[in-house]
Amino acid sequence: MKAALALILGTSMVVLAPSALAGQLYPKVYDATYEAKSQNSVSTIRMCSDGKGKLRTESGTPAYKIISLIDYPGKFSYSILDSQKMIMKTPISTEYEGEMTPELAKKKKAQDLGTKDIAGHKCHGWKMPVEGGFTEVWSDEKAGITVHSVTEAKGYKSEMTLKTYSPAPPSEALFSLPQGYKVTSTGQPNSY
């Protein structure tokens, strides 16, 4: 479960970093599904954006399901644990950074990998250091979403591959917190 949570949080950060178009405050509207692989598991991840600063990630296997909501305007992230009817509320310590520009790449110490076609998507790649390793991200230049990513760090490897994509707006209900759940606040901020 711990490794699964690390994969979900890691892929959330990977998808957010390079995904907005120039001049847009937040990632554009999308609804995408991915296959995520790590050493011990394969799972499906659904990621969607309302285009207004709210992002949703659903991940799971038959054994578990985790839902995360990031609310940039509200400056909080929420981890929704359906089986426990619980929500963990965490402050966000950073603003959304927008598309990967040469200035942002320099700040993140990212290496420009150029462009290549991946499954019919014209993608631009970046390789960024993470604690004990790296993340390599290939994003569709037009749609502004991650098509493929790999993270390797301290004996851990995860890979995420785009399976479906829609530019249609996801239901607004997906970005609302469920009623009747116990909300627990944590003081430690997340940085996405």
N, C-alpha and C. Protein backbone atom coordinates (compact mmCIF):
# COMPACT_ATOMS: atom_id res chain seq x y z
N MET A 1 0.83 -1.20 0.00
CA MET A 1 0.00 0.00 0.00
C MET A 1 0.87 1.25 0.00
N LYS A 2 1.96 1.24 0.80
CA LYS A 2 2.85 2.39 0.86
C LYS A 2 3.47 2.67 -0.50
N ALA A 3 3.92 1.62 -1.20
CA ALA A 3 4.50 1.79 -2.54
C ALA A 3 3.46 2.32 -3.52
N ALA A 4 2.23 1.85 -3.39
CA ALA A 4 1.16 2.31 -4.28
C ALA A 4 0.89 3.78 -4.07
N LEU A 5 0.87 4.23 -2.81
CA LEU A 5 0.65 5.64 -2.53
C LEU A 5 1.78 6.49 -3.09
N ALA A 6 3.03 6.01 -2.96
CA ALA A 6 4.18 6.74 -3.52
C ALA A 6 4.05 6.85 -5.04
N LEU A 7 3.61 5.78 -5.70
CA LEU A 7 3.44 5.80 -7.15
C LEU A 7 2.37 6.81 -7.55
N ILE A 8 1.26 6.82 -6.84
CA ILE A 8 0.17 7.74 -7.16
C ILE A 8 0.60 9.18 -6.96
N LEU A 9 1.22 9.48 -5.82
CA LEU A 9 1.65 10.85 -5.57
C LEU A 9 2.73 11.25 -6.56
N GLY A 10 3.63 10.35 -6.86
CA GLY A 10 4.69 10.64 -7.83
C GLY A 10 4.15 10.91 -9.21
N THR A 11 3.19 10.09 -9.65
CA THR A 11 2.64 10.31 -10.98
C THR A 11 1.79 11.56 -11.02
N SER A 12 1.15 11.92 -9.92
CA SER A 12 0.41 13.17 -9.90
C SER A 12 1.35 14.33 -10.15
N MET A 13 2.49 14.32 -9.49
CA MET A 13 3.45 15.40 -9.68
C MET A 13 3.99 15.40 -11.10
N VAL A 14 4.23 14.22 -11.64
CA VAL A 14 4.76 14.12 -12.99
C VAL A 14 3.78 14.71 -13.99
N VAL A 15 2.52 14.40 -13.86
CA VAL A 15 1.54 14.88 -14.83
C VAL A 15 1.34 16.38 -14.69
N LEU A 16 1.44 16.90 -13.50
CA LEU A 16 1.18 18.32 -13.31
C LEU A 16 2.31 19.20 -13.82
N ALA A 17 3.53 18.79 -13.63
CA ALA A 17 4.66 19.67 -13.93
C ALA A 17 4.66 20.21 -15.35
N PRO A 18 4.52 19.39 -16.40
CA PRO A 18 4.66 19.95 -17.74
C PRO A 18 3.35 20.12 -18.50
N SER A 19 2.21 20.18 -17.84
CA SER A 19 0.99 19.98 -18.61
C SER A 19 0.16 21.20 -18.99
N ALA A 20 0.50 22.39 -18.61
CA ALA A 20 -0.34 23.52 -19.01
C ALA A 20 0.16 24.14 -20.30
N LEU A 21 -0.74 24.77 -21.02
CA LEU A 21 -0.36 25.47 -22.24
C LEU A 21 0.03 26.91 -21.89
N ALA A 22 0.81 27.53 -22.76
CA ALA A 22 1.27 28.89 -22.51
C ALA A 22 0.11 29.82 -22.21
N GLY A 23 0.27 30.66 -21.20
CA GLY A 23 -0.74 31.64 -20.86
C GLY A 23 -1.90 31.09 -20.06
N GLN A 24 -1.89 29.82 -19.72
CA GLN A 24 -2.98 29.24 -18.96
C GLN A 24 -2.54 29.08 -17.51
N LEU A 25 -3.37 29.52 -16.58
CA LEU A 25 -3.03 29.51 -15.18
C LEU A 25 -2.94 28.08 -14.62
N TYR A 26 -3.81 27.17 -15.07
CA TYR A 26 -3.86 25.81 -14.56
C TYR A 26 -3.87 24.83 -15.73
N PRO A 27 -3.65 23.53 -15.43
CA PRO A 27 -3.74 22.54 -16.52
C PRO A 27 -5.09 22.65 -17.22
N LYS A 28 -5.09 22.43 -18.53
CA LYS A 28 -6.33 22.51 -19.28
C LYS A 28 -7.25 21.34 -18.95
N VAL A 29 -8.46 21.40 -19.43
CA VAL A 29 -9.46 20.35 -19.18
C VAL A 29 -9.03 19.06 -19.87
N TYR A 30 -9.07 17.96 -19.13
CA TYR A 30 -8.79 16.65 -19.72
C TYR A 30 -9.32 15.56 -18.81
N ASP A 31 -9.43 14.36 -19.36
CA ASP A 31 -9.78 13.15 -18.62
C ASP A 31 -8.97 12.04 -19.27
N ALA A 32 -8.06 11.44 -18.52
CA ALA A 32 -7.14 10.45 -19.08
C ALA A 32 -7.00 9.25 -18.15
N THR A 33 -6.73 8.10 -18.75
CA THR A 33 -6.43 6.91 -17.96
C THR A 33 -5.03 6.42 -18.35
N TYR A 34 -4.37 5.84 -17.36
CA TYR A 34 -3.01 5.36 -17.51
C TYR A 34 -2.88 3.95 -16.95
N GLU A 35 -1.93 3.21 -17.49
CA GLU A 35 -1.49 1.97 -16.86
C GLU A 35 -0.23 2.31 -16.09
N ALA A 36 -0.20 1.98 -14.82
CA ALA A 36 0.95 2.27 -13.97
C ALA A 36 1.56 0.95 -13.51
N LYS A 37 2.87 0.84 -13.68
CA LYS A 37 3.58 -0.38 -13.28
C LYS A 37 4.68 -0.01 -12.30
N SER A 38 4.82 -0.85 -11.28
CA SER A 38 5.96 -0.77 -10.38
C SER A 38 6.46 -2.21 -10.21
N GLN A 39 7.47 -2.40 -9.36
CA GLN A 39 8.04 -3.74 -9.22
C GLN A 39 7.00 -4.82 -8.89
N ASN A 40 6.07 -4.48 -8.02
CA ASN A 40 5.15 -5.50 -7.52
C ASN A 40 3.70 -5.35 -7.96
N SER A 41 3.40 -4.36 -8.79
CA SER A 41 1.98 -4.19 -9.11
C SER A 41 1.77 -3.50 -10.46
N VAL A 42 0.57 -3.72 -10.96
CA VAL A 42 0.08 -3.01 -12.14
C VAL A 42 -1.27 -2.45 -11.74
N SER A 43 -1.49 -1.18 -12.01
CA SER A 43 -2.77 -0.57 -11.65
C SER A 43 -3.23 0.37 -12.75
N THR A 44 -4.46 0.78 -12.63
CA THR A 44 -5.03 1.76 -13.54
C THR A 44 -5.17 3.07 -12.79
N ILE A 45 -4.77 4.16 -13.44
CA ILE A 45 -4.89 5.48 -12.83
C ILE A 45 -5.73 6.35 -13.77
N ARG A 46 -6.71 7.03 -13.19
CA ARG A 46 -7.49 8.00 -13.95
C ARG A 46 -7.12 9.38 -13.41
N MET A 47 -6.78 10.28 -14.31
CA MET A 47 -6.46 11.65 -13.93
C MET A 47 -7.32 12.60 -14.75
N CYS A 48 -7.87 13.61 -14.08
CA CYS A 48 -8.67 14.58 -14.80
C CYS A 48 -8.51 15.97 -14.18
N SER A 49 -8.74 16.98 -15.02
CA SER A 49 -8.62 18.38 -14.62
C SER A 49 -9.87 19.12 -15.06
N ASP A 50 -10.31 20.04 -14.20
CA ASP A 50 -11.47 20.87 -14.57
C ASP A 50 -11.05 22.15 -15.28
N GLY A 51 -9.74 22.37 -15.45
CA GLY A 51 -9.25 23.57 -16.11
C GLY A 51 -9.28 24.81 -15.23
N LYS A 52 -9.77 24.65 -13.99
CA LYS A 52 -9.89 25.79 -13.06
C LYS A 52 -9.02 25.59 -11.83
N GLY A 53 -8.08 24.65 -11.91
CA GLY A 53 -7.16 24.43 -10.79
C GLY A 53 -7.48 23.25 -9.91
N LYS A 54 -8.48 22.46 -10.29
CA LYS A 54 -8.79 21.26 -9.52
C LYS A 54 -8.44 20.04 -10.35
N LEU A 55 -7.72 19.13 -9.72
CA LEU A 55 -7.27 17.91 -10.38
C LEU A 55 -7.68 16.71 -9.54
N ARG A 56 -8.05 15.62 -10.19
CA ARG A 56 -8.46 14.40 -9.50
C ARG A 56 -7.63 13.24 -10.04
N THR A 57 -7.18 12.41 -9.11
CA THR A 57 -6.47 11.19 -9.45
C THR A 57 -7.15 10.04 -8.74
N GLU A 58 -7.51 9.00 -9.50
CA GLU A 58 -8.06 7.77 -8.92
C GLU A 58 -7.13 6.64 -9.28
N SER A 59 -6.75 5.86 -8.30
CA SER A 59 -5.87 4.74 -8.56
C SER A 59 -6.36 3.54 -7.79
N GLY A 60 -6.12 2.38 -8.37
CA GLY A 60 -6.53 1.22 -7.62
C GLY A 60 -6.23 -0.09 -8.30
N THR A 61 -6.35 -1.10 -7.50
CA THR A 61 -6.28 -2.49 -7.92
C THR A 61 -7.50 -3.14 -7.26
N PRO A 62 -7.72 -4.43 -7.47
CA PRO A 62 -8.84 -5.06 -6.75
C PRO A 62 -8.72 -4.96 -5.23
N ALA A 63 -7.50 -4.75 -4.71
CA ALA A 63 -7.30 -4.71 -3.26
C ALA A 63 -7.51 -3.34 -2.62
N TYR A 64 -7.41 -2.25 -3.37
CA TYR A 64 -7.55 -0.92 -2.80
C TYR A 64 -7.96 0.11 -3.85
N LYS A 65 -8.43 1.25 -3.34
CA LYS A 65 -8.74 2.38 -4.21
C LYS A 65 -8.37 3.65 -3.45
N ILE A 66 -7.63 4.53 -4.13
CA ILE A 66 -7.25 5.80 -3.53
C ILE A 66 -7.68 6.92 -4.48
N ILE A 67 -8.29 7.95 -3.91
CA ILE A 67 -8.69 9.12 -4.68
C ILE A 67 -7.98 10.33 -4.08
N SER A 68 -7.35 11.13 -4.94
CA SER A 68 -6.70 12.35 -4.49
C SER A 68 -7.28 13.52 -5.27
N LEU A 69 -7.54 14.60 -4.56
CA LEU A 69 -7.99 15.84 -5.18
C LEU A 69 -6.97 16.93 -4.84
N ILE A 70 -6.55 17.67 -5.83
CA ILE A 70 -5.68 18.81 -5.60
C ILE A 70 -6.49 20.04 -5.96
N ASP A 71 -6.58 20.96 -5.03
CA ASP A 71 -7.32 22.21 -5.21
C ASP A 71 -6.32 23.35 -5.11
N TYR A 72 -5.74 23.75 -6.26
CA TYR A 72 -4.75 24.83 -6.25
C TYR A 72 -5.33 26.15 -5.76
N PRO A 73 -6.51 26.59 -6.23
CA PRO A 73 -7.05 27.86 -5.72
C PRO A 73 -7.29 27.82 -4.21
N GLY A 74 -7.76 26.67 -3.70
CA GLY A 74 -8.02 26.54 -2.27
C GLY A 74 -6.78 26.23 -1.46
N LYS A 75 -5.67 25.88 -2.14
CA LYS A 75 -4.38 25.58 -1.51
C LYS A 75 -4.41 24.35 -0.59
N PHE A 76 -5.20 23.33 -1.01
CA PHE A 76 -5.25 22.09 -0.25
C PHE A 76 -5.26 20.89 -1.19
N SER A 77 -4.77 19.77 -0.67
CA SER A 77 -4.94 18.49 -1.35
C SER A 77 -5.73 17.59 -0.40
N TYR A 78 -6.46 16.66 -0.99
CA TYR A 78 -7.30 15.76 -0.21
C TYR A 78 -7.05 14.33 -0.66
N SER A 79 -6.81 13.44 0.30
CA SER A 79 -6.71 12.01 0.02
C SER A 79 -7.99 11.38 0.56
N ILE A 80 -8.79 10.81 -0.33
CA ILE A 80 -10.08 10.25 0.05
C ILE A 80 -9.95 8.74 0.16
N LEU A 81 -10.22 8.23 1.34
CA LEU A 81 -10.15 6.80 1.60
C LEU A 81 -11.57 6.28 1.77
N ASP A 82 -12.14 5.78 0.66
CA ASP A 82 -13.54 5.34 0.65
C ASP A 82 -13.81 4.26 1.68
N SER A 83 -12.92 3.28 1.77
CA SER A 83 -13.19 2.15 2.67
C SER A 83 -13.28 2.57 4.13
N GLN A 84 -12.58 3.64 4.52
CA GLN A 84 -12.65 4.14 5.89
C GLN A 84 -13.58 5.34 6.04
N LYS A 85 -14.18 5.81 4.93
CA LYS A 85 -15.04 7.00 4.95
C LYS A 85 -14.28 8.16 5.60
N MET A 86 -13.04 8.36 5.11
CA MET A 86 -12.17 9.36 5.71
C MET A 86 -11.50 10.19 4.62
N ILE A 87 -11.23 11.46 4.94
CA ILE A 87 -10.53 12.38 4.05
C ILE A 87 -9.36 12.98 4.81
N MET A 88 -8.17 12.90 4.24
CA MET A 88 -7.00 13.55 4.82
C MET A 88 -6.76 14.85 4.06
N LYS A 89 -6.85 15.98 4.76
CA LYS A 89 -6.71 17.31 4.17
C LYS A 89 -5.31 17.83 4.47
N THR A 90 -4.58 18.23 3.43
CA THR A 90 -3.21 18.67 3.59
C THR A 90 -3.00 19.99 2.85
N PRO A 91 -2.37 20.97 3.50
CA PRO A 91 -2.09 22.22 2.77
C PRO A 91 -1.08 21.99 1.65
N ILE A 92 -1.20 22.77 0.59
CA ILE A 92 -0.25 22.72 -0.52
C ILE A 92 0.75 23.86 -0.31
N SER A 93 2.03 23.54 -0.38
CA SER A 93 3.04 24.56 -0.10
C SER A 93 3.52 25.31 -1.34
N THR A 94 3.15 24.85 -2.53
CA THR A 94 3.63 25.52 -3.75
C THR A 94 2.48 25.83 -4.69
N GLU A 95 2.70 26.78 -5.55
CA GLU A 95 1.73 27.12 -6.59
C GLU A 95 1.95 26.20 -7.79
N TYR A 96 0.95 26.10 -8.64
CA TYR A 96 1.10 25.38 -9.90
C TYR A 96 2.11 26.13 -10.75
N GLU A 97 3.07 25.42 -11.33
CA GLU A 97 4.16 26.09 -12.04
C GLU A 97 3.94 26.27 -13.53
N GLY A 98 2.96 25.64 -14.11
CA GLY A 98 2.68 25.82 -15.53
C GLY A 98 3.54 24.93 -16.41
N GLU A 99 3.54 25.28 -17.70
CA GLU A 99 4.26 24.45 -18.66
C GLU A 99 5.76 24.48 -18.40
N MET A 100 6.44 23.44 -18.87
CA MET A 100 7.88 23.37 -18.71
C MET A 100 8.52 24.33 -19.72
N THR A 101 9.04 25.40 -19.20
CA THR A 101 9.75 26.39 -20.02
C THR A 101 11.24 26.22 -19.75
N PRO A 102 12.09 26.81 -20.58
CA PRO A 102 13.53 26.73 -20.29
C PRO A 102 13.88 27.26 -18.89
N GLU A 103 13.16 28.30 -18.44
CA GLU A 103 13.42 28.86 -17.11
C GLU A 103 13.03 27.88 -16.01
N LEU A 104 11.84 27.25 -16.15
CA LEU A 104 11.40 26.27 -15.17
C LEU A 104 12.29 25.03 -15.20
N ALA A 105 12.69 24.61 -16.39
CA ALA A 105 13.60 23.47 -16.52
C ALA A 105 14.91 23.73 -15.79
N LYS A 106 15.42 24.94 -15.93
CA LYS A 106 16.67 25.29 -15.24
C LYS A 106 16.46 25.22 -13.72
N LYS A 107 15.34 25.76 -13.25
CA LYS A 107 15.02 25.73 -11.83
C LYS A 107 14.92 24.29 -11.30
N LYS A 108 14.34 23.40 -12.09
CA LYS A 108 14.17 22.00 -11.70
C LYS A 108 15.37 21.13 -12.06
N LYS A 109 16.39 21.76 -12.65
CA LYS A 109 17.58 21.03 -13.10
C LYS A 109 17.20 19.92 -14.07
N ALA A 110 16.24 20.23 -14.94
CA ALA A 110 15.73 19.26 -15.91
C ALA A 110 16.54 19.29 -17.19
N GLN A 111 16.74 18.13 -17.75
CA GLN A 111 17.44 17.98 -19.02
C GLN A 111 16.41 17.89 -20.14
N ASP A 112 16.58 18.69 -21.18
CA ASP A 112 15.70 18.68 -22.33
C ASP A 112 16.04 17.45 -23.19
N LEU A 113 15.07 16.57 -23.40
CA LEU A 113 15.28 15.35 -24.18
C LEU A 113 14.83 15.50 -25.63
N GLY A 114 14.32 16.67 -25.99
CA GLY A 114 13.86 16.88 -27.36
C GLY A 114 12.47 16.33 -27.59
N THR A 115 12.18 16.01 -28.86
CA THR A 115 10.85 15.53 -29.22
C THR A 115 10.93 14.15 -29.85
N LYS A 116 9.82 13.41 -29.73
CA LYS A 116 9.68 12.13 -30.42
C LYS A 116 8.21 11.75 -30.43
N ASP A 117 7.87 10.85 -31.34
CA ASP A 117 6.50 10.34 -31.45
C ASP A 117 6.35 9.14 -30.52
N ILE A 118 5.30 9.18 -29.70
CA ILE A 118 4.99 8.05 -28.82
C ILE A 118 3.53 7.71 -29.04
N ALA A 119 3.25 6.55 -29.60
CA ALA A 119 1.88 6.07 -29.83
C ALA A 119 1.01 7.11 -30.54
N GLY A 120 1.57 7.79 -31.54
CA GLY A 120 0.81 8.76 -32.31
C GLY A 120 0.75 10.14 -31.70
N HIS A 121 1.42 10.37 -30.59
CA HIS A 121 1.46 11.68 -29.94
C HIS A 121 2.83 12.31 -30.17
N LYS A 122 2.86 13.56 -30.64
CA LYS A 122 4.12 14.29 -30.75
C LYS A 122 4.46 14.79 -29.35
N CYS A 123 5.53 14.25 -28.79
CA CYS A 123 5.85 14.52 -27.39
C CYS A 123 7.18 15.25 -27.23
N HIS A 124 7.26 16.00 -26.15
CA HIS A 124 8.51 16.63 -25.72
C HIS A 124 8.90 15.98 -24.40
N GLY A 125 10.18 15.67 -24.24
CA GLY A 125 10.64 14.97 -23.05
C GLY A 125 11.54 15.80 -22.17
N TRP A 126 11.46 15.51 -20.87
CA TRP A 126 12.30 16.15 -19.87
C TRP A 126 12.74 15.09 -18.87
N LYS A 127 13.96 15.19 -18.40
CA LYS A 127 14.48 14.29 -17.37
C LYS A 127 14.86 15.15 -16.18
N MET A 128 14.22 14.86 -15.03
CA MET A 128 14.41 15.68 -13.84
C MET A 128 14.94 14.84 -12.69
N PRO A 129 15.86 15.39 -11.91
CA PRO A 129 16.35 14.66 -10.74
C PRO A 129 15.27 14.62 -9.66
N VAL A 130 15.20 13.47 -8.98
CA VAL A 130 14.38 13.32 -7.78
C VAL A 130 15.30 12.70 -6.73
N GLU A 131 14.89 12.72 -5.50
CA GLU A 131 15.75 12.19 -4.44
C GLU A 131 16.18 10.76 -4.76
N GLY A 132 17.48 10.58 -4.95
CA GLY A 132 18.03 9.25 -5.21
C GLY A 132 17.82 8.73 -6.61
N GLY A 133 17.40 9.57 -7.55
CA GLY A 133 17.17 9.06 -8.91
C GLY A 133 16.70 10.14 -9.87
N PHE A 134 15.76 9.75 -10.75
CA PHE A 134 15.28 10.68 -11.77
C PHE A 134 13.86 10.32 -12.18
N THR A 135 13.20 11.30 -12.80
CA THR A 135 11.92 11.09 -13.47
C THR A 135 12.08 11.59 -14.90
N GLU A 136 11.65 10.76 -15.85
CA GLU A 136 11.65 11.14 -17.26
C GLU A 136 10.20 11.23 -17.69
N VAL A 137 9.82 12.38 -18.25
CA VAL A 137 8.43 12.64 -18.63
C VAL A 137 8.35 13.01 -20.10
N TRP A 138 7.42 12.36 -20.83
CA TRP A 138 7.15 12.70 -22.23
C TRP A 138 5.71 13.17 -22.30
N SER A 139 5.52 14.45 -22.69
CA SER A 139 4.20 15.06 -22.73
C SER A 139 3.79 15.42 -24.15
N ASP A 140 2.50 15.19 -24.46
CA ASP A 140 1.95 15.57 -25.75
C ASP A 140 2.01 17.10 -25.86
N GLU A 141 2.67 17.60 -26.90
CA GLU A 141 2.87 19.04 -27.04
C GLU A 141 1.56 19.80 -27.28
N LYS A 142 0.60 19.17 -27.94
CA LYS A 142 -0.66 19.85 -28.25
C LYS A 142 -1.66 19.69 -27.10
N ALA A 143 -1.87 18.46 -26.64
CA ALA A 143 -2.87 18.20 -25.59
C ALA A 143 -2.40 18.65 -24.22
N GLY A 144 -1.07 18.71 -24.00
CA GLY A 144 -0.55 19.15 -22.71
C GLY A 144 -0.67 18.12 -21.61
N ILE A 145 -0.65 16.83 -21.94
CA ILE A 145 -0.74 15.79 -20.91
C ILE A 145 0.44 14.82 -21.05
N THR A 146 0.74 14.15 -19.95
CA THR A 146 1.80 13.15 -19.97
C THR A 146 1.34 11.95 -20.78
N VAL A 147 2.22 11.49 -21.68
CA VAL A 147 1.95 10.29 -22.47
C VAL A 147 2.71 9.10 -21.88
N HIS A 148 3.92 9.36 -21.40
CA HIS A 148 4.72 8.28 -20.82
C HIS A 148 5.67 8.88 -19.78
N SER A 149 5.86 8.17 -18.67
CA SER A 149 6.83 8.62 -17.68
C SER A 149 7.47 7.41 -17.00
N VAL A 150 8.69 7.61 -16.56
CA VAL A 150 9.44 6.60 -15.81
C VAL A 150 10.11 7.30 -14.64
N THR A 151 10.00 6.71 -13.46
CA THR A 151 10.70 7.21 -12.28
C THR A 151 11.55 6.08 -11.72
N GLU A 152 12.82 6.36 -11.50
CA GLU A 152 13.73 5.40 -10.87
C GLU A 152 14.41 6.11 -9.71
N ALA A 153 14.33 5.50 -8.53
CA ALA A 153 14.96 6.08 -7.34
C ALA A 153 15.15 5.01 -6.27
N LYS A 154 16.36 4.93 -5.73
CA LYS A 154 16.69 4.06 -4.59
C LYS A 154 16.07 2.67 -4.70
N GLY A 155 16.36 1.97 -5.78
CA GLY A 155 15.86 0.61 -5.94
C GLY A 155 14.39 0.51 -6.30
N TYR A 156 13.77 1.62 -6.63
CA TYR A 156 12.35 1.65 -6.97
C TYR A 156 12.20 2.14 -8.40
N LYS A 157 11.34 1.49 -9.16
CA LYS A 157 11.06 1.93 -10.52
C LYS A 157 9.57 1.88 -10.77
N SER A 158 9.03 2.94 -11.35
CA SER A 158 7.62 2.97 -11.75
C SER A 158 7.54 3.52 -13.16
N GLU A 159 6.51 3.10 -13.87
CA GLU A 159 6.31 3.52 -15.25
C GLU A 159 4.82 3.78 -15.45
N MET A 160 4.50 4.82 -16.19
CA MET A 160 3.12 5.17 -16.44
C MET A 160 2.94 5.44 -17.93
N THR A 161 1.89 4.82 -18.53
CA THR A 161 1.65 4.93 -19.96
C THR A 161 0.20 5.33 -20.21
N LEU A 162 0.00 6.36 -21.03
CA LEU A 162 -1.34 6.83 -21.37
C LEU A 162 -2.10 5.75 -22.14
N LYS A 163 -3.34 5.47 -21.73
CA LYS A 163 -4.19 4.49 -22.42
C LYS A 163 -5.38 5.16 -23.12
N THR A 164 -6.03 6.13 -22.45
CA THR A 164 -7.14 6.85 -23.07
C THR A 164 -7.02 8.33 -22.72
N TYR A 165 -7.55 9.19 -23.62
CA TYR A 165 -7.51 10.63 -23.39
C TYR A 165 -8.76 11.26 -23.99
N SER A 166 -9.35 12.20 -23.26
CA SER A 166 -10.47 12.98 -23.78
C SER A 166 -10.30 14.43 -23.35
N PRO A 167 -10.49 15.38 -24.28
CA PRO A 167 -10.46 16.79 -23.92
C PRO A 167 -11.82 17.28 -23.40
N ALA A 168 -12.82 16.39 -23.33
CA ALA A 168 -14.15 16.77 -22.86
C ALA A 168 -14.11 17.03 -21.36
N PRO A 169 -14.87 18.02 -20.88
CA PRO A 169 -14.87 18.32 -19.45
C PRO A 169 -15.42 17.15 -18.62
N PRO A 170 -14.69 16.74 -17.59
CA PRO A 170 -15.22 15.72 -16.68
C PRO A 170 -16.35 16.31 -15.84
N SER A 171 -17.18 15.47 -15.28
CA SER A 171 -18.28 15.91 -14.43
C SER A 171 -17.74 16.73 -13.25
N GLU A 172 -18.41 17.86 -12.96
CA GLU A 172 -18.00 18.71 -11.83
C GLU A 172 -18.08 17.95 -10.51
N ALA A 173 -18.96 16.96 -10.42
CA ALA A 173 -19.10 16.18 -9.19
C ALA A 173 -17.81 15.46 -8.82
N LEU A 174 -16.97 15.16 -9.81
CA LEU A 174 -15.71 14.47 -9.53
C LEU A 174 -14.76 15.31 -8.67
N PHE A 175 -14.96 16.62 -8.64
CA PHE A 175 -14.06 17.51 -7.93
C PHE A 175 -14.62 17.97 -6.58
N SER A 176 -15.75 17.37 -6.17
CA SER A 176 -16.37 17.67 -4.88
C SER A 176 -16.01 16.61 -3.87
N LEU A 177 -15.90 17.02 -2.61
CA LEU A 177 -15.62 16.05 -1.55
C LEU A 177 -16.90 15.31 -1.19
N PRO A 178 -16.80 14.01 -0.91
CA PRO A 178 -18.00 13.25 -0.54
C PRO A 178 -18.52 13.70 0.83
N GLN A 179 -19.84 13.68 0.97
CA GLN A 179 -20.49 14.07 2.22
C GLN A 179 -20.43 12.92 3.22
N GLY A 180 -20.39 13.25 4.51
CA GLY A 180 -20.46 12.25 5.56
C GLY A 180 -19.13 11.58 5.88
N TYR A 181 -18.03 12.04 5.33
CA TYR A 181 -16.72 11.47 5.62
C TYR A 181 -16.05 12.27 6.73
N LYS A 182 -15.25 11.60 7.56
CA LYS A 182 -14.49 12.28 8.60
C LYS A 182 -13.28 12.93 7.94
N VAL A 183 -13.09 14.25 8.19
CA VAL A 183 -11.97 14.98 7.62
C VAL A 183 -10.89 15.16 8.69
N THR A 184 -9.70 14.70 8.37
CA THR A 184 -8.55 14.85 9.26
C THR A 184 -7.55 15.77 8.59
N SER A 185 -7.15 16.84 9.29
CA SER A 185 -6.18 17.77 8.72
C SER A 185 -4.78 17.40 9.18
N THR A 186 -3.83 17.53 8.24
CA THR A 186 -2.43 17.32 8.59
C THR A 186 -1.73 18.67 8.46
N GLY A 187 -0.75 18.88 9.30
CA GLY A 187 -0.04 20.16 9.30
C GLY A 187 1.09 20.22 8.29
N GLN A 188 1.55 19.07 7.81
CA GLN A 188 2.69 19.03 6.91
C GLN A 188 2.22 19.32 5.49
N PRO A 189 2.70 20.40 4.88
CA PRO A 189 2.27 20.72 3.52
C PRO A 189 2.87 19.80 2.47
N ASN A 190 2.09 19.53 1.42
CA ASN A 190 2.57 18.82 0.23
C ASN A 190 3.06 19.85 -0.77
N SER A 191 4.03 19.46 -1.58
CA SER A 191 4.43 20.31 -2.70
C SER A 191 4.25 19.52 -3.97
N TYR A 192 3.44 20.03 -4.90
CA TYR A 192 3.17 19.34 -6.16
C TYR A 192 3.81 20.07 -7.29
